[in-house]
Amino acid sequence: MPRPIDLFACIIHRTFLYHIYNLFGNQPYIMIETNVILSNFIAGLVGLLAGLLVNYLSDILPVRRRLTAPICLNCGKSQTLRNYLFWPRRCPHCNFRRSARTWVVEMVGVLGGLWLWNSTEAQQRLGLVVGMVVLIYFAVIVVIDYEHRLILHPTSIFGVVLGLGVGITLNGLTLTLIGGAVGYGVMYGLYFLGGVFIKLMARLRGQKIDEVALGFGDVNLTGVLGLMLGWPNVIIALFLSVLSAGVVSGILLFSRVLSRKYRSFMDAMPYGPFLILGAFLMLFLPLFTQTLLQSISPFF
């Protein structure tokens, strides 16, 4: 069955590029090559729109907790869509320019759209539309948690609905619910132990410690990802998350020691991006992940 982007590309061919084919005698290889170019152009455009949406949600939700008109993150006043999305991307009230994250997310969105369109492995389980929705959700979680150390309740609620839909489609109802319960339960146990550890260290050091390794938003997120992945994939995703977080923490620790800027082992690091990474690998790159795990341990 032809994919929607292929059909759309064919319509463009027949409508706007018919004279090009006439010039070259309607040679099949030219049509195929043009199909590829147009399909990738549309995929990149969809990725750009996804990046715009990620930026909007990442700017609005931490401040308003609901969908509103775009606002300036400096003065809080509303902006027009033209100014916010296109140009000059500078607040007309306080002259505050949007951060470099805006451009990075949009560039990653374009690359993500092209990758999703051209990757058979990425499409084989979720498809294009659902796959893009999941990628947008993952990106919003990563950006907000990285910038604000928050995983918001609105994103968790939406994630439950999305996770149930994805999980039931891939694994059935029973494994989906078990995966959600296990993910939530495991992370809640770690959250509880982390709280006990923080209190113990605060007592030993004789001072209050405000930063925590895990927040309750991480517990909710792991439950959502457990619904998406199902049982037992959620356990493998958690292993990948812990492994990647450990590697990054080790690199940061080593760099701080070398630069003599190391202060305390209690410096907090957002854990949401690592949870998302584990889920991303299991959902979109299962063959690559299986090969990676087998290279780490024969048990996989």
C-alpha atoms as a PDB file:
ATOM      1  CA  MET A   1       0.000   0.000   0.000  1.00  0.00           C
ATOM      2  CA  PRO A   2       1.520   3.393  -0.996  1.00  0.00           C
ATOM      3  CA  ARG A   3       2.502   5.703   1.852  1.00  0.00           C
ATOM      4  CA  PRO A   4       0.800   9.116   2.167  1.00  0.00           C
ATOM      5  CA  ILE A   5       3.928  11.086   1.354  1.00  0.00           C
ATOM      6  CA  ASP A   6       4.447   9.031  -1.812  1.00  0.00           C
ATOM      7  CA  LEU A   7       0.887   9.735  -2.909  1.00  0.00           C
ATOM      8  CA  PHE A   8       1.299  13.434  -2.199  1.00  0.00           C
ATOM      9  CA  ALA A   9       4.536  13.496  -4.163  1.00  0.00           C
ATOM     10  CA  CYS A  10       2.842  11.831  -7.128  1.00  0.00           C
ATOM     11  CA  ILE A  11       0.091  14.459  -7.083  1.00  0.00           C
ATOM     12  CA  ILE A  12       2.738  17.195  -7.210  1.00  0.00           C
ATOM     13  CA  HIS A  13       4.377  15.435 -10.130  1.00  0.00           C
ATOM     14  CA  ARG A  14       1.211  15.269 -12.179  1.00  0.00           C
ATOM     15  CA  THR A  15       0.192  18.828 -11.371  1.00  0.00           C
ATOM     16  CA  PHE A  16       3.348  20.906 -11.378  1.00  0.00           C
ATOM     17  CA  LEU A  17       6.150  18.861 -12.922  1.00  0.00           C
ATOM     18  CA  TYR A  18       4.458  17.315 -15.932  1.00  0.00           C
ATOM     19  CA  HIS A  19       6.382  19.504 -18.357  1.00  0.00           C
ATOM     20  CA  ILE A  20       9.701  18.348 -16.848  1.00  0.00           C
ATOM     21  CA  TYR A  21       8.867  14.767 -17.656  1.00  0.00           C
ATOM     22  CA  ASN A  22       7.892  15.764 -21.194  1.00  0.00           C
ATOM     23  CA  LEU A  23      11.281  17.419 -21.687  1.00  0.00           C
ATOM     24  CA  PHE A  24      13.049  14.178 -20.744  1.00  0.00           C
ATOM     25  CA  GLY A  25      10.626  11.822 -22.420  1.00  0.00           C
ATOM     26  CA  ASN A  26       8.934  10.694 -19.180  1.00  0.00           C
ATOM     27  CA  GLN A  27      11.895   8.482 -18.335  1.00  0.00           C
ATOM     28  CA  PRO A  28      11.088   6.289 -15.302  1.00  0.00           C
ATOM     29  CA  TYR A  29      14.363   6.925 -13.485  1.00  0.00           C
ATOM     30  CA  ILE A  30      13.722  10.685 -13.513  1.00  0.00           C
ATOM     31  CA  MET A  31      10.286  10.175 -11.987  1.00  0.00           C
ATOM     32  CA  ILE A  32      11.702   7.885  -9.320  1.00  0.00           C
ATOM     33  CA  GLU A  33      14.487  10.324  -8.458  1.00  0.00           C
ATOM     34  CA  THR A  34      12.046  13.226  -8.263  1.00  0.00           C
ATOM     35  CA  ASN A  35       9.782  11.132  -6.057  1.00  0.00           C
ATOM     36  CA  VAL A  36      12.655  10.582  -3.652  1.00  0.00           C
ATOM     37  CA  ILE A  37      13.564  14.275  -3.570  1.00  0.00           C
ATOM     38  CA  LEU A  38       9.989  15.432  -3.005  1.00  0.00           C
ATOM     39  CA  SER A  39       9.291  12.772  -0.399  1.00  0.00           C
ATOM     40  CA  ASN A  40      12.379  13.748   1.577  1.00  0.00           C
ATOM     41  CA  PHE A  41      11.536  17.437   1.232  1.00  0.00           C
ATOM     42  CA  ILE A  42       8.071  16.816   2.671  1.00  0.00           C
ATOM     43  CA  ALA A  43       9.532  14.624   5.446  1.00  0.00           C
ATOM     44  CA  GLY A  44      11.980  17.394   6.361  1.00  0.00           C
ATOM     45  CA  LEU A  45       9.162  19.950   6.337  1.00  0.00           C
ATOM     46  CA  VAL A  46       7.082  17.766   8.658  1.00  0.00           C
ATOM     47  CA  GLY A  47      10.126  17.472  10.926  1.00  0.00           C
ATOM     48  CA  LEU A  48      10.496  21.261  10.955  1.00  0.00           C
ATOM     49  CA  LEU A  49       6.833  21.655  11.963  1.00  0.00           C
ATOM     50  CA  ALA A  50       7.418  19.086  14.707  1.00  0.00           C
ATOM     51  CA  GLY A  51      10.386  21.121  15.945  1.00  0.00           C
ATOM     52  CA  LEU A  52       8.248  24.281  16.022  1.00  0.00           C
ATOM     53  CA  LEU A  53       5.648  22.423  18.090  1.00  0.00           C
ATOM     54  CA  VAL A  54       8.283  21.086  20.508  1.00  0.00           C
ATOM     55  CA  ASN A  55       9.648  24.595  21.038  1.00  0.00           C
ATOM     56  CA  TYR A  56       6.184  26.032  21.642  1.00  0.00           C
ATOM     57  CA  LEU A  57       5.206  23.344  24.165  1.00  0.00           C
ATOM     58  CA  SER A  58       8.584  23.564  25.915  1.00  0.00           C
ATOM     59  CA  ASP A  59       8.191  27.337  26.293  1.00  0.00           C
ATOM     60  CA  ILE A  60       4.531  27.431  27.340  1.00  0.00           C
ATOM     61  CA  LEU A  61       3.894  24.396  29.528  1.00  0.00           C
ATOM     62  CA  PRO A  62       6.496  25.057  32.272  1.00  0.00           C
ATOM     63  CA  VAL A  63       5.125  28.588  32.707  1.00  0.00           C
ATOM     64  CA  ARG A  64       1.373  28.305  32.087  1.00  0.00           C
ATOM     65  CA  ARG A  65       0.713  24.554  32.456  1.00  0.00           C
ATOM     66  CA  ARG A  66      -1.769  24.866  29.575  1.00  0.00           C
ATOM     67  CA  LEU A  67      -1.888  25.881  25.928  1.00  0.00           C
ATOM     68  CA  THR A  68      -1.959  29.649  25.433  1.00  0.00           C
ATOM     69  CA  ALA A  69      -0.681  32.231  22.975  1.00  0.00           C
ATOM     70  CA  PRO A  70       3.145  32.317  22.679  1.00  0.00           C
ATOM     71  CA  ILE A  71       4.805  34.397  25.375  1.00  0.00           C
ATOM     72  CA  CYS A  72       8.191  35.972  25.975  1.00  0.00           C
ATOM     73  CA  LEU A  73      10.159  33.916  28.484  1.00  0.00           C
ATOM     74  CA  ASN A  74      11.791  37.088  29.812  1.00  0.00           C
ATOM     75  CA  CYS A  75       8.876  39.471  30.421  1.00  0.00           C
ATOM     76  CA  GLY A  76       5.944  37.054  30.117  1.00  0.00           C
ATOM     77  CA  LYS A  77       4.009  39.149  27.592  1.00  0.00           C
ATOM     78  CA  SER A  78       2.231  37.629  24.608  1.00  0.00           C
ATOM     79  CA  GLN A  79       3.739  37.555  21.123  1.00  0.00           C
ATOM     80  CA  THR A  80       2.246  37.198  17.677  1.00  0.00           C
ATOM     81  CA  LEU A  81       2.592  33.869  15.912  1.00  0.00           C
ATOM     82  CA  ARG A  82       4.487  35.515  13.065  1.00  0.00           C
ATOM     83  CA  ASN A  83       7.059  36.973  15.423  1.00  0.00           C
ATOM     84  CA  TYR A  84       7.312  33.817  17.540  1.00  0.00           C
ATOM     85  CA  LEU A  85       7.502  31.246  14.751  1.00  0.00           C
ATOM     86  CA  PHE A  86       9.207  33.064  11.901  1.00  0.00           C
ATOM     87  CA  TRP A  87      10.886  36.447  12.300  1.00  0.00           C
ATOM     88  CA  PRO A  88      12.354  38.417  14.020  1.00  0.00           C
ATOM     89  CA  ARG A  89      11.879  36.013  16.959  1.00  0.00           C
ATOM     90  CA  ARG A  90      12.549  38.885  19.324  1.00  0.00           C
ATOM     91  CA  CYS A  91      10.118  40.156  21.966  1.00  0.00           C
ATOM     92  CA  PRO A  92       8.616  43.494  20.828  1.00  0.00           C
ATOM     93  CA  HIS A  93       8.204  44.563  24.474  1.00  0.00           C
ATOM     94  CA  CYS A  94      11.613  43.834  26.054  1.00  0.00           C
ATOM     95  CA  ASN A  95      13.703  43.028  22.961  1.00  0.00           C
ATOM     96  CA  PHE A  96      14.544  39.577  24.361  1.00  0.00           C
ATOM     97  CA  ARG A  97      15.795  37.181  21.682  1.00  0.00           C
ATOM     98  CA  ARG A  98      14.855  33.510  21.751  1.00  0.00           C
ATOM     99  CA  SER A  99      17.630  31.137  22.810  1.00  0.00           C
ATOM    100  CA  ALA A 100      19.839  28.953  20.636  1.00  0.00           C
ATOM    101  CA  ARG A 101      17.750  25.975  21.766  1.00  0.00           C
ATOM    102  CA  THR A 102      15.034  27.174  19.379  1.00  0.00           C
ATOM    103  CA  TRP A 103      17.244  26.655  16.343  1.00  0.00           C
ATOM    104  CA  VAL A 104      18.797  23.433  17.633  1.00  0.00           C
ATOM    105  CA  VAL A 105      15.409  21.795  18.230  1.00  0.00           C
ATOM    106  CA  GLU A 106      14.153  22.784  14.787  1.00  0.00           C
ATOM    107  CA  MET A 107      17.303  21.458  13.130  1.00  0.00           C
ATOM    108  CA  VAL A 108      16.987  18.204  15.063  1.00  0.00           C
ATOM    109  CA  GLY A 109      13.325  18.085  14.031  1.00  0.00           C
ATOM    110  CA  VAL A 110      14.248  18.257  10.343  1.00  0.00           C
ATOM    111  CA  LEU A 111      16.882  15.548  10.771  1.00  0.00           C
ATOM    112  CA  GLY A 112      14.446  13.454  12.788  1.00  0.00           C
ATOM    113  CA  GLY A 113      11.784  13.703  10.095  1.00  0.00           C
ATOM    114  CA  LEU A 114      14.252  12.629   7.417  1.00  0.00           C
ATOM    115  CA  TRP A 115      15.548   9.794   9.583  1.00  0.00           C
ATOM    116  CA  LEU A 116      12.079   8.505  10.426  1.00  0.00           C
ATOM    117  CA  TRP A 117      11.059   8.593   6.762  1.00  0.00           C
ATOM    118  CA  ASN A 118      14.151   6.741   5.518  1.00  0.00           C
ATOM    119  CA  SER A 119      14.603   4.233   8.354  1.00  0.00           C
ATOM    120  CA  THR A 120      12.793   0.951   7.805  1.00  0.00           C
ATOM    121  CA  GLU A 121      13.639  -0.228  11.315  1.00  0.00           C
ATOM    122  CA  ALA A 122      12.185   2.925  12.870  1.00  0.00           C
ATOM    123  CA  GLN A 123       8.912   2.543  10.945  1.00  0.00           C
ATOM    124  CA  GLN A 124       8.368  -1.184  11.254  1.00  0.00           C
ATOM    125  CA  ARG A 125       6.624  -1.064  14.639  1.00  0.00           C
ATOM    126  CA  LEU A 126       5.005   2.357  14.986  1.00  0.00           C
ATOM    127  CA  GLY A 127       4.638   3.714  11.473  1.00  0.00           C
ATOM    128  CA  LEU A 128       5.149   7.296  10.384  1.00  0.00           C
ATOM    129  CA  VAL A 129       2.321   9.174  12.101  1.00  0.00           C
ATOM    130  CA  VAL A 130       2.442   7.476  15.506  1.00  0.00           C
ATOM    131  CA  GLY A 131       6.235   7.443  15.363  1.00  0.00           C
ATOM    132  CA  MET A 132       6.338  11.212  14.849  1.00  0.00           C
ATOM    133  CA  VAL A 133       3.880  11.803  17.702  1.00  0.00           C
ATOM    134  CA  VAL A 134       6.030   9.685  20.030  1.00  0.00           C
ATOM    135  CA  LEU A 135       9.188  11.532  18.953  1.00  0.00           C
ATOM    136  CA  ILE A 136       7.525  14.899  19.631  1.00  0.00           C
ATOM    137  CA  TYR A 137       6.447  13.693  23.074  1.00  0.00           C
ATOM    138  CA  PHE A 138       9.946  12.431  23.852  1.00  0.00           C
ATOM    139  CA  ALA A 139      11.504  15.721  22.709  1.00  0.00           C
ATOM    140  CA  VAL A 140       9.185  17.837  24.876  1.00  0.00           C
ATOM    141  CA  ILE A 141      10.032  15.731  27.925  1.00  0.00           C
ATOM    142  CA  VAL A 142      13.776  16.017  27.275  1.00  0.00           C
ATOM    143  CA  VAL A 143      13.791  19.788  26.694  1.00  0.00           C
ATOM    144  CA  ILE A 144      11.620  20.655  29.704  1.00  0.00           C
ATOM    145  CA  ASP A 145      13.445  18.326  32.072  1.00  0.00           C
ATOM    146  CA  TYR A 146      16.838  19.553  30.897  1.00  0.00           C
ATOM    147  CA  GLU A 147      15.940  23.233  31.262  1.00  0.00           C
ATOM    148  CA  HIS A 148      13.647  23.174  34.299  1.00  0.00           C
ATOM    149  CA  ARG A 149      14.301  19.827  36.043  1.00  0.00           C
ATOM    150  CA  LEU A 150      10.571  19.173  35.704  1.00  0.00           C
ATOM    151  CA  ILE A 151       8.357  16.450  34.287  1.00  0.00           C
ATOM    152  CA  LEU A 152       4.944  18.087  34.274  1.00  0.00           C
ATOM    153  CA  HIS A 153       1.615  16.496  35.162  1.00  0.00           C
ATOM    154  CA  PRO A 154       0.007  17.543  31.834  1.00  0.00           C
ATOM    155  CA  THR A 155       2.725  15.719  29.901  1.00  0.00           C
ATOM    156  CA  SER A 156       2.344  12.684  32.169  1.00  0.00           C
ATOM    157  CA  ILE A 157      -1.430  12.586  31.624  1.00  0.00           C
ATOM    158  CA  PHE A 158      -1.016  12.846  27.857  1.00  0.00           C
ATOM    159  CA  GLY A 159       1.714  10.216  28.088  1.00  0.00           C
ATOM    160  CA  VAL A 160      -0.634   7.739  29.780  1.00  0.00           C
ATOM    161  CA  VAL A 161      -3.102   8.024  26.890  1.00  0.00           C
ATOM    162  CA  LEU A 162      -0.335   7.784  24.298  1.00  0.00           C
ATOM    163  CA  GLY A 163       1.394   4.973  26.162  1.00  0.00           C
ATOM    164  CA  LEU A 164      -1.784   2.902  26.396  1.00  0.00           C
ATOM    165  CA  GLY A 165      -2.458   3.329  22.691  1.00  0.00           C
ATOM    166  CA  VAL A 166       1.083   2.438  21.644  1.00  0.00           C
ATOM    167  CA  GLY A 167       1.471  -0.355  24.187  1.00  0.00           C
ATOM    168  CA  ILE A 168      -1.816  -2.112  23.439  1.00  0.00           C
ATOM    169  CA  THR A 169      -1.089  -1.942  19.698  1.00  0.00           C
ATOM    170  CA  LEU A 170       2.367  -3.448  20.094  1.00  0.00           C
ATOM    171  CA  ASN A 171       2.016  -5.810  23.056  1.00  0.00           C
ATOM    172  CA  GLY A 172      -1.641  -6.265  23.962  1.00  0.00           C
ATOM    173  CA  LEU A 173      -3.464  -5.053  27.046  1.00  0.00           C
ATOM    174  CA  THR A 174      -2.014  -7.451  29.637  1.00  0.00           C
ATOM    175  CA  LEU A 175       1.687  -6.899  28.887  1.00  0.00           C
ATOM    176  CA  THR A 176       1.058  -3.159  28.560  1.00  0.00           C
ATOM    177  CA  LEU A 177      -0.466  -2.886  32.029  1.00  0.00           C
ATOM    178  CA  ILE A 178       2.220  -5.093  33.559  1.00  0.00           C
ATOM    179  CA  GLY A 179       4.921  -2.967  31.938  1.00  0.00           C
ATOM    180  CA  GLY A 180       3.370   0.225  33.287  1.00  0.00           C
ATOM    181  CA  ALA A 181       3.027  -1.201  36.799  1.00  0.00           C
ATOM    182  CA  VAL A 182       6.578  -2.551  36.847  1.00  0.00           C
ATOM    183  CA  GLY A 183       8.070   0.676  35.488  1.00  0.00           C
ATOM    184  CA  TYR A 184       6.175   2.777  38.003  1.00  0.00           C
ATOM    185  CA  GLY A 185       6.918   0.412  40.878  1.00  0.00           C
ATOM    186  CA  VAL A 186      10.643   0.101  40.214  1.00  0.00           C
ATOM    187  CA  MET A 187      11.149   3.836  39.870  1.00  0.00           C
ATOM    188  CA  TYR A 188       8.997   4.526  42.946  1.00  0.00           C
ATOM    189  CA  GLY A 189      11.230   2.192  44.919  1.00  0.00           C
ATOM    190  CA  LEU A 190      14.326   4.050  43.707  1.00  0.00           C
ATOM    191  CA  TYR A 191      12.633   7.372  44.472  1.00  0.00           C
ATOM    192  CA  PHE A 192      11.881   6.230  48.037  1.00  0.00           C
ATOM    193  CA  LEU A 193      15.416   4.928  48.604  1.00  0.00           C
ATOM    194  CA  GLY A 194      16.840   8.151  47.170  1.00  0.00           C
ATOM    195  CA  GLY A 195      14.793  10.173  49.652  1.00  0.00           C
ATOM    196  CA  VAL A 196      16.065   8.048  52.548  1.00  0.00           C
ATOM    197  CA  PHE A 197      19.638   8.493  51.320  1.00  0.00           C
ATOM    198  CA  ILE A 198      19.254  12.275  51.040  1.00  0.00           C
ATOM    199  CA  LYS A 199      17.905  12.503  54.596  1.00  0.00           C
ATOM    200  CA  LEU A 200      20.746  10.357  55.886  1.00  0.00           C
ATOM    201  CA  MET A 201      23.386  12.478  54.173  1.00  0.00           C
ATOM    202  CA  ALA A 202      21.752  15.688  55.391  1.00  0.00           C
ATOM    203  CA  ARG A 203      21.891  14.401  58.956  1.00  0.00           C
ATOM    204  CA  LEU A 204      25.514  13.313  58.643  1.00  0.00           C
ATOM    205  CA  ARG A 205      26.549  16.648  57.123  1.00  0.00           C
ATOM    206  CA  GLY A 206      24.426  18.692  59.489  1.00  0.00           C
ATOM    207  CA  GLN A 207      22.799  20.729  56.744  1.00  0.00           C
ATOM    208  CA  LYS A 208      19.722  20.558  54.562  1.00  0.00           C
ATOM    209  CA  ILE A 209      20.108  19.146  51.060  1.00  0.00           C
ATOM    210  CA  ASP A 210      17.556  20.460  48.591  1.00  0.00           C
ATOM    211  CA  GLU A 211      18.626  18.634  45.435  1.00  0.00           C
ATOM    212  CA  VAL A 212      17.421  15.083  44.841  1.00  0.00           C
ATOM    213  CA  ALA A 213      18.575  12.462  42.381  1.00  0.00           C
ATOM    214  CA  LEU A 214      15.049  11.504  41.314  1.00  0.00           C
ATOM    215  CA  GLY A 215      11.818  13.472  41.373  1.00  0.00           C
ATOM    216  CA  PHE A 216       8.313  12.070  41.380  1.00  0.00           C
ATOM    217  CA  GLY A 217       7.968  13.183  37.769  1.00  0.00           C
ATOM    218  CA  ASP A 218      10.575  10.533  36.927  1.00  0.00           C
ATOM    219  CA  VAL A 219       8.333   7.962  38.592  1.00  0.00           C
ATOM    220  CA  ASN A 220       5.357   9.032  36.477  1.00  0.00           C
ATOM    221  CA  LEU A 221       7.460   9.086  33.319  1.00  0.00           C
ATOM    222  CA  THR A 222       8.762   5.575  33.894  1.00  0.00           C
ATOM    223  CA  GLY A 223       5.196   4.372  34.344  1.00  0.00           C
ATOM    224  CA  VAL A 224       4.269   5.981  31.021  1.00  0.00           C
ATOM    225  CA  LEU A 225       7.268   4.437  29.262  1.00  0.00           C
ATOM    226  CA  GLY A 226       6.404   1.088  30.834  1.00  0.00           C
ATOM    227  CA  LEU A 227       2.979   1.305  29.195  1.00  0.00           C
ATOM    228  CA  MET A 228       4.555   2.023  25.817  1.00  0.00           C
ATOM    229  CA  LEU A 229       7.165  -0.715  26.032  1.00  0.00           C
ATOM    230  CA  GLY A 230       5.258  -3.384  27.911  1.00  0.00           C
ATOM    231  CA  TRP A 231       6.702  -6.282  29.833  1.00  0.00           C
ATOM    232  CA  PRO A 232       9.595  -7.244  29.808  1.00  0.00           C
ATOM    233  CA  ASN A 233      10.938  -4.515  27.507  1.00  0.00           C
ATOM    234  CA  VAL A 234      10.580  -1.891  30.240  1.00  0.00           C
ATOM    235  CA  ILE A 235      13.248  -3.660  32.295  1.00  0.00           C
ATOM    236  CA  ILE A 236      15.695  -3.598  29.383  1.00  0.00           C
ATOM    237  CA  ALA A 237      14.932   0.093  28.781  1.00  0.00           C
ATOM    238  CA  LEU A 238      15.608   0.859  32.458  1.00  0.00           C
ATOM    239  CA  PHE A 239      18.912  -0.990  32.225  1.00  0.00           C
ATOM    240  CA  LEU A 240      19.885   1.112  29.192  1.00  0.00           C
ATOM    241  CA  SER A 241      18.836   4.282  31.025  1.00  0.00           C
ATOM    242  CA  VAL A 242      20.913   3.462  34.094  1.00  0.00           C
ATOM    243  CA  LEU A 243      23.872   2.470  31.914  1.00  0.00           C
ATOM    244  CA  SER A 244      23.787   5.666  29.849  1.00  0.00           C
ATOM    245  CA  ALA A 245      23.313   7.844  32.946  1.00  0.00           C
ATOM    246  CA  GLY A 246      26.277   6.155  34.584  1.00  0.00           C
ATOM    247  CA  VAL A 247      28.489   6.730  31.554  1.00  0.00           C
ATOM    248  CA  VAL A 248      27.539  10.409  31.296  1.00  0.00           C
ATOM    249  CA  SER A 249      27.942  10.914  35.051  1.00  0.00           C
ATOM    250  CA  GLY A 250      31.381   9.345  34.927  1.00  0.00           C
ATOM    251  CA  ILE A 251      32.439  11.605  32.070  1.00  0.00           C
ATOM    252  CA  LEU A 252      31.146  14.715  33.866  1.00  0.00           C
ATOM    253  CA  LEU A 253      32.824  13.686  37.114  1.00  0.00           C
ATOM    254  CA  PHE A 254      36.122  13.057  35.363  1.00  0.00           C
ATOM    255  CA  SER A 255      35.982  16.390  33.526  1.00  0.00           C
ATOM    256  CA  ARG A 256      35.206  18.259  36.758  1.00  0.00           C
ATOM    257  CA  VAL A 257      38.078  16.601  38.558  1.00  0.00           C
ATOM    258  CA  LEU A 258      40.445  17.550  35.751  1.00  0.00           C
ATOM    259  CA  SER A 259      39.181  21.144  35.720  1.00  0.00           C
ATOM    260  CA  ARG A 260      39.164  21.278  39.554  1.00  0.00           C
ATOM    261  CA  LYS A 261      35.549  22.425  39.545  1.00  0.00           C
ATOM    262  CA  TYR A 262      34.234  19.362  41.330  1.00  0.00           C
ATOM    263  CA  ARG A 263      32.180  20.418  44.355  1.00  0.00           C
ATOM    264  CA  SER A 264      29.967  17.643  45.579  1.00  0.00           C
ATOM    265  CA  PHE A 265      28.574  14.264  44.579  1.00  0.00           C
ATOM    266  CA  MET A 266      25.131  15.696  45.339  1.00  0.00           C
ATOM    267  CA  ASP A 267      24.988  17.789  42.140  1.00  0.00           C
ATOM    268  CA  ALA A 268      21.702  16.843  40.515  1.00  0.00           C
ATOM    269  CA  MET A 269      21.389  15.776  36.892  1.00  0.00           C
ATOM    270  CA  PRO A 270      18.060  15.468  35.056  1.00  0.00           C
ATOM    271  CA  TYR A 271      17.210  11.796  34.697  1.00  0.00           C
ATOM    272  CA  GLY A 272      14.314  12.136  32.242  1.00  0.00           C
ATOM    273  CA  PRO A 273      16.525  12.305  29.126  1.00  0.00           C
ATOM    274  CA  PHE A 274      18.154   8.995  30.029  1.00  0.00           C
ATOM    275  CA  LEU A 275      14.783   7.327  30.562  1.00  0.00           C
ATOM    276  CA  ILE A 276      13.708   8.646  27.172  1.00  0.00           C
ATOM    277  CA  LEU A 277      16.905   7.349  25.575  1.00  0.00           C
ATOM    278  CA  GLY A 278      16.269   3.818  26.829  1.00  0.00           C
ATOM    279  CA  ALA A 279      12.673   3.889  25.576  1.00  0.00           C
ATOM    280  CA  PHE A 280      13.736   5.377  22.226  1.00  0.00           C
ATOM    281  CA  LEU A 281      16.226   2.590  21.617  1.00  0.00           C
ATOM    282  CA  MET A 282      13.684  -0.103  22.446  1.00  0.00           C
ATOM    283  CA  LEU A 283      10.878   1.418  20.369  1.00  0.00           C
ATOM    284  CA  PHE A 284      12.651   2.709  17.276  1.00  0.00           C
ATOM    285  CA  LEU A 285      15.923   0.761  17.046  1.00  0.00           C
ATOM    286  CA  PRO A 286      15.169  -2.730  18.400  1.00  0.00           C
ATOM    287  CA  LEU A 287      17.634  -4.570  16.129  1.00  0.00           C
ATOM    288  CA  PHE A 288      20.455  -2.147  16.894  1.00  0.00           C
ATOM    289  CA  THR A 289      19.643  -2.324  20.613  1.00  0.00           C
ATOM    290  CA  GLN A 290      19.654  -6.114  20.598  1.00  0.00           C
ATOM    291  CA  THR A 291      23.069  -6.140  18.932  1.00  0.00           C
ATOM    292  CA  LEU A 292      24.347  -3.570  21.430  1.00  0.00           C
ATOM    293  CA  LEU A 293      23.097  -5.529  24.425  1.00  0.00           C
ATOM    294  CA  GLN A 294      24.548  -8.800  23.147  1.00  0.00           C
ATOM    295  CA  SER A 295      27.922  -7.098  22.795  1.00  0.00           C
ATOM    296  CA  ILE A 296      27.684  -5.966  26.435  1.00  0.00           C
ATOM    297  CA  SER A 297      26.525  -9.238  27.959  1.00  0.00           C
ATOM    298  CA  PRO A 298      25.706 -12.756  26.673  1.00  0.00           C
ATOM    299  CA  PHE A 299      22.626 -12.811  28.924  1.00  0.00           C
ATOM    300  CA  PHE A 300      20.783 -10.671  26.348  1.00  0.00           C
END
